[in-house]
Amino acid sequence: MLPYASKPKLMKRQKRQTYLQKRAVVLEPEERKAIAILQQMRALRKDQVARRREKQSERKVAHRKKMEKTEAQKEGKDKDKKKEYMRAAGVKKKREIEREDGEGSRKRQKG
């Protein structure tokens, strides 16, 4: 059996306030300033992260567009290559068939 099996999963809500909950926490002026500075630093950091994410997403969109464009060009070139190959293959096959039938264009022999 696990050592944590007997622990309650969720703590019950306390009916009475604890000693610390009853007492108000009064901060010293230095503590207040320190907390305010930390809060401002967190806000700046959060803003910087948000801006960075926004720029990153813009760069991703631009890159994706560029890649789609190059992919389309590549597909067009591949299509042209395939078309040329098939045309050459068709001509070659036609010549082979003509040779087999004996209908090919032969040069006259000098005699």
C-alpha atoms as a PDB file:
ATOM      1  CA  MET A   1       0.000   0.000   0.000  1.00  0.00           C
ATOM      2  CA  LEU A   2       1.218   3.494  -0.814  1.00  0.00           C
ATOM      3  CA  PRO A   3       2.144   5.748   2.102  1.00  0.00           C
ATOM      4  CA  TYR A   4      -0.212   8.440   0.803  1.00  0.00           C
ATOM      5  CA  ALA A   5      -3.255   6.204   0.518  1.00  0.00           C
ATOM      6  CA  SER A   6      -4.627   7.177   3.923  1.00  0.00           C
ATOM      7  CA  LYS A   7      -4.383  10.926   3.254  1.00  0.00           C
ATOM      8  CA  PRO A   8      -7.599  12.744   2.310  1.00  0.00           C
ATOM      9  CA  LYS A   9      -7.715  13.791  -1.317  1.00  0.00           C
ATOM     10  CA  LEU A  10      -9.395  17.137  -0.671  1.00  0.00           C
ATOM     11  CA  MET A  11      -9.131  19.173   2.470  1.00  0.00           C
ATOM     12  CA  LYS A  12     -12.424  20.101   4.120  1.00  0.00           C
ATOM     13  CA  ARG A  13     -13.223  23.773   4.428  1.00  0.00           C
ATOM     14  CA  GLN A  14     -12.494  25.081   7.876  1.00  0.00           C
ATOM     15  CA  LYS A  15     -15.501  26.216   9.836  1.00  0.00           C
ATOM     16  CA  ARG A  16     -13.616  28.680  12.036  1.00  0.00           C
ATOM     17  CA  GLN A  17     -11.058  31.215  10.951  1.00  0.00           C
ATOM     18  CA  THR A  18      -7.494  30.426  11.884  1.00  0.00           C
ATOM     19  CA  TYR A  19      -5.308  32.753  13.883  1.00  0.00           C
ATOM     20  CA  LEU A  20      -3.539  34.066  10.771  1.00  0.00           C
ATOM     21  CA  GLN A  21      -6.834  34.608   8.953  1.00  0.00           C
ATOM     22  CA  LYS A  22      -8.141  36.748  11.782  1.00  0.00           C
ATOM     23  CA  ARG A  23      -5.060  38.959  11.857  1.00  0.00           C
ATOM     24  CA  ALA A  24      -4.690  41.632   9.190  1.00  0.00           C
ATOM     25  CA  VAL A  25      -1.275  41.797   7.587  1.00  0.00           C
ATOM     26  CA  VAL A  26       0.076  45.327   7.624  1.00  0.00           C
ATOM     27  CA  LEU A  27       3.007  45.844   5.297  1.00  0.00           C
ATOM     28  CA  GLU A  28       5.865  48.182   6.000  1.00  0.00           C
ATOM     29  CA  PRO A  29       6.423  50.977   3.454  1.00  0.00           C
ATOM     30  CA  GLU A  30       9.593  49.253   2.145  1.00  0.00           C
ATOM     31  CA  GLU A  31       7.696  46.003   1.699  1.00  0.00           C
ATOM     32  CA  ARG A  32       4.919  47.812  -0.152  1.00  0.00           C
ATOM     33  CA  LYS A  33       7.451  49.438  -2.480  1.00  0.00           C
ATOM     34  CA  ALA A  34       9.199  46.131  -3.086  1.00  0.00           C
ATOM     35  CA  ILE A  35       5.901  44.396  -3.890  1.00  0.00           C
ATOM     36  CA  ALA A  36       4.877  47.254  -6.219  1.00  0.00           C
ATOM     37  CA  ILE A  37       8.212  47.056  -8.072  1.00  0.00           C
ATOM     38  CA  LEU A  38       7.904  43.281  -8.434  1.00  0.00           C
ATOM     39  CA  GLN A  39       4.363  43.690  -9.745  1.00  0.00           C
ATOM     40  CA  GLN A  40       5.530  46.250 -12.310  1.00  0.00           C
ATOM     41  CA  MET A  41       8.365  43.955 -13.389  1.00  0.00           C
ATOM     42  CA  ARG A  42       5.908  41.084 -13.860  1.00  0.00           C
ATOM     43  CA  ALA A  43       3.602  43.334 -15.910  1.00  0.00           C
ATOM     44  CA  LEU A  44       6.496  44.441 -18.149  1.00  0.00           C
ATOM     45  CA  ARG A  45       7.643  40.864 -18.608  1.00  0.00           C
ATOM     46  CA  LYS A  46       4.125  39.749 -19.475  1.00  0.00           C
ATOM     47  CA  ASP A  47       3.848  42.539 -22.051  1.00  0.00           C
ATOM     48  CA  GLN A  48       7.219  41.644 -23.577  1.00  0.00           C
ATOM     49  CA  VAL A  49       6.231  37.987 -23.860  1.00  0.00           C
ATOM     50  CA  ALA A  50       2.922  38.938 -25.492  1.00  0.00           C
ATOM     51  CA  ARG A  51       4.701  41.156 -28.044  1.00  0.00           C
ATOM     52  CA  ARG A  52       7.262  38.460 -28.773  1.00  0.00           C
ATOM     53  CA  ARG A  53       4.519  35.886 -29.356  1.00  0.00           C
ATOM     54  CA  GLU A  54       2.670  38.277 -31.669  1.00  0.00           C
ATOM     55  CA  LYS A  55       5.805  38.923 -33.750  1.00  0.00           C
ATOM     56  CA  GLN A  56       6.550  35.202 -33.835  1.00  0.00           C
ATOM     57  CA  SER A  57       3.070  34.434 -35.142  1.00  0.00           C
ATOM     58  CA  GLU A  58       3.421  37.135 -37.815  1.00  0.00           C
ATOM     59  CA  ARG A  59       6.766  35.677 -38.911  1.00  0.00           C
ATOM     60  CA  LYS A  60       5.225  32.206 -39.025  1.00  0.00           C
ATOM     61  CA  VAL A  61       2.387  33.421 -41.245  1.00  0.00           C
ATOM     62  CA  ALA A  62       4.818  35.153 -43.615  1.00  0.00           C
ATOM     63  CA  HIS A  63       7.070  32.087 -43.729  1.00  0.00           C
ATOM     64  CA  ARG A  64       4.120  29.787 -44.375  1.00  0.00           C
ATOM     65  CA  LYS A  65       2.997  32.012 -47.260  1.00  0.00           C
ATOM     66  CA  LYS A  66       6.488  31.992 -48.746  1.00  0.00           C
ATOM     67  CA  MET A  67       6.755  28.213 -48.428  1.00  0.00           C
ATOM     68  CA  GLU A  68       3.363  27.729 -50.115  1.00  0.00           C
ATOM     69  CA  LYS A  69       4.486  29.946 -52.983  1.00  0.00           C
ATOM     70  CA  THR A  70       7.758  28.046 -53.481  1.00  0.00           C
ATOM     71  CA  GLU A  71       5.882  24.740 -53.200  1.00  0.00           C
ATOM     72  CA  ALA A  72       3.470  25.845 -55.921  1.00  0.00           C
ATOM     73  CA  GLN A  73       6.395  26.812 -58.170  1.00  0.00           C
ATOM     74  CA  LYS A  74       8.062  23.476 -57.475  1.00  0.00           C
ATOM     75  CA  GLU A  75       4.877  21.598 -58.351  1.00  0.00           C
ATOM     76  CA  GLY A  76       4.618  23.548 -61.614  1.00  0.00           C
ATOM     77  CA  LYS A  77       8.201  22.667 -62.549  1.00  0.00           C
ATOM     78  CA  ASP A  78       7.640  19.003 -61.636  1.00  0.00           C
ATOM     79  CA  LYS A  79       4.492  18.988 -63.778  1.00  0.00           C
ATOM     80  CA  ASP A  80       6.396  20.436 -66.743  1.00  0.00           C
ATOM     81  CA  LYS A  81       9.212  17.890 -66.309  1.00  0.00           C
ATOM     82  CA  LYS A  82       6.713  15.028 -66.155  1.00  0.00           C
ATOM     83  CA  LYS A  83       4.906  16.343 -69.231  1.00  0.00           C
ATOM     84  CA  GLU A  84       8.186  16.551 -71.186  1.00  0.00           C
ATOM     85  CA  TYR A  85       9.193  13.070 -70.032  1.00  0.00           C
ATOM     86  CA  MET A  86       5.840  11.585 -71.056  1.00  0.00           C
ATOM     87  CA  ARG A  87       6.025  13.314 -74.438  1.00  0.00           C
ATOM     88  CA  ALA A  88       9.504  11.888 -75.039  1.00  0.00           C
ATOM     89  CA  ALA A  89       8.390   8.453 -73.864  1.00  0.00           C
ATOM     90  CA  GLY A  90       5.410   8.572 -76.245  1.00  0.00           C
ATOM     91  CA  VAL A  91       7.640   9.490 -79.189  1.00  0.00           C
ATOM     92  CA  LYS A  92      10.054   6.690 -78.294  1.00  0.00           C
ATOM     93  CA  LYS A  93       7.243   4.137 -78.047  1.00  0.00           C
ATOM     94  CA  LYS A  94       5.803   5.284 -81.382  1.00  0.00           C
ATOM     95  CA  ARG A  95       9.194   4.777 -83.058  1.00  0.00           C
ATOM     96  CA  GLU A  96       9.532   1.297 -81.546  1.00  0.00           C
ATOM     97  CA  ILE A  97       6.086   0.319 -82.845  1.00  0.00           C
ATOM     98  CA  GLU A  98       6.924   1.651 -86.323  1.00  0.00           C
ATOM     99  CA  ARG A  99      10.187  -0.318 -86.307  1.00  0.00           C
ATOM    100  CA  GLU A 100       8.383  -3.526 -85.354  1.00  0.00           C
ATOM    101  CA  ASP A 101       5.813  -3.064 -88.126  1.00  0.00           C
ATOM    102  CA  GLY A 102       8.489  -2.160 -90.610  1.00  0.00           C
ATOM    103  CA  GLU A 103       6.859   1.116 -91.461  1.00  0.00           C
ATOM    104  CA  GLY A 104       9.657   3.241 -90.143  1.00  0.00           C
ATOM    105  CA  SER A 105      11.277   5.870 -92.297  1.00  0.00           C
ATOM    106  CA  ARG A 106      14.393   4.204 -93.649  1.00  0.00           C
ATOM    107  CA  LYS A 107      17.017   5.947 -95.666  1.00  0.00           C
ATOM    108  CA  ARG A 108      17.515   4.608 -99.157  1.00  0.00           C
ATOM    109  CA  GLN A 109      20.566   2.581 -99.629  1.00  0.00           C
ATOM    110  CA  LYS A 110      22.820   3.571-102.480  1.00  0.00           C
ATOM    111  CA  GLY A 111      23.204   0.694-104.751  1.00  0.00           C
END
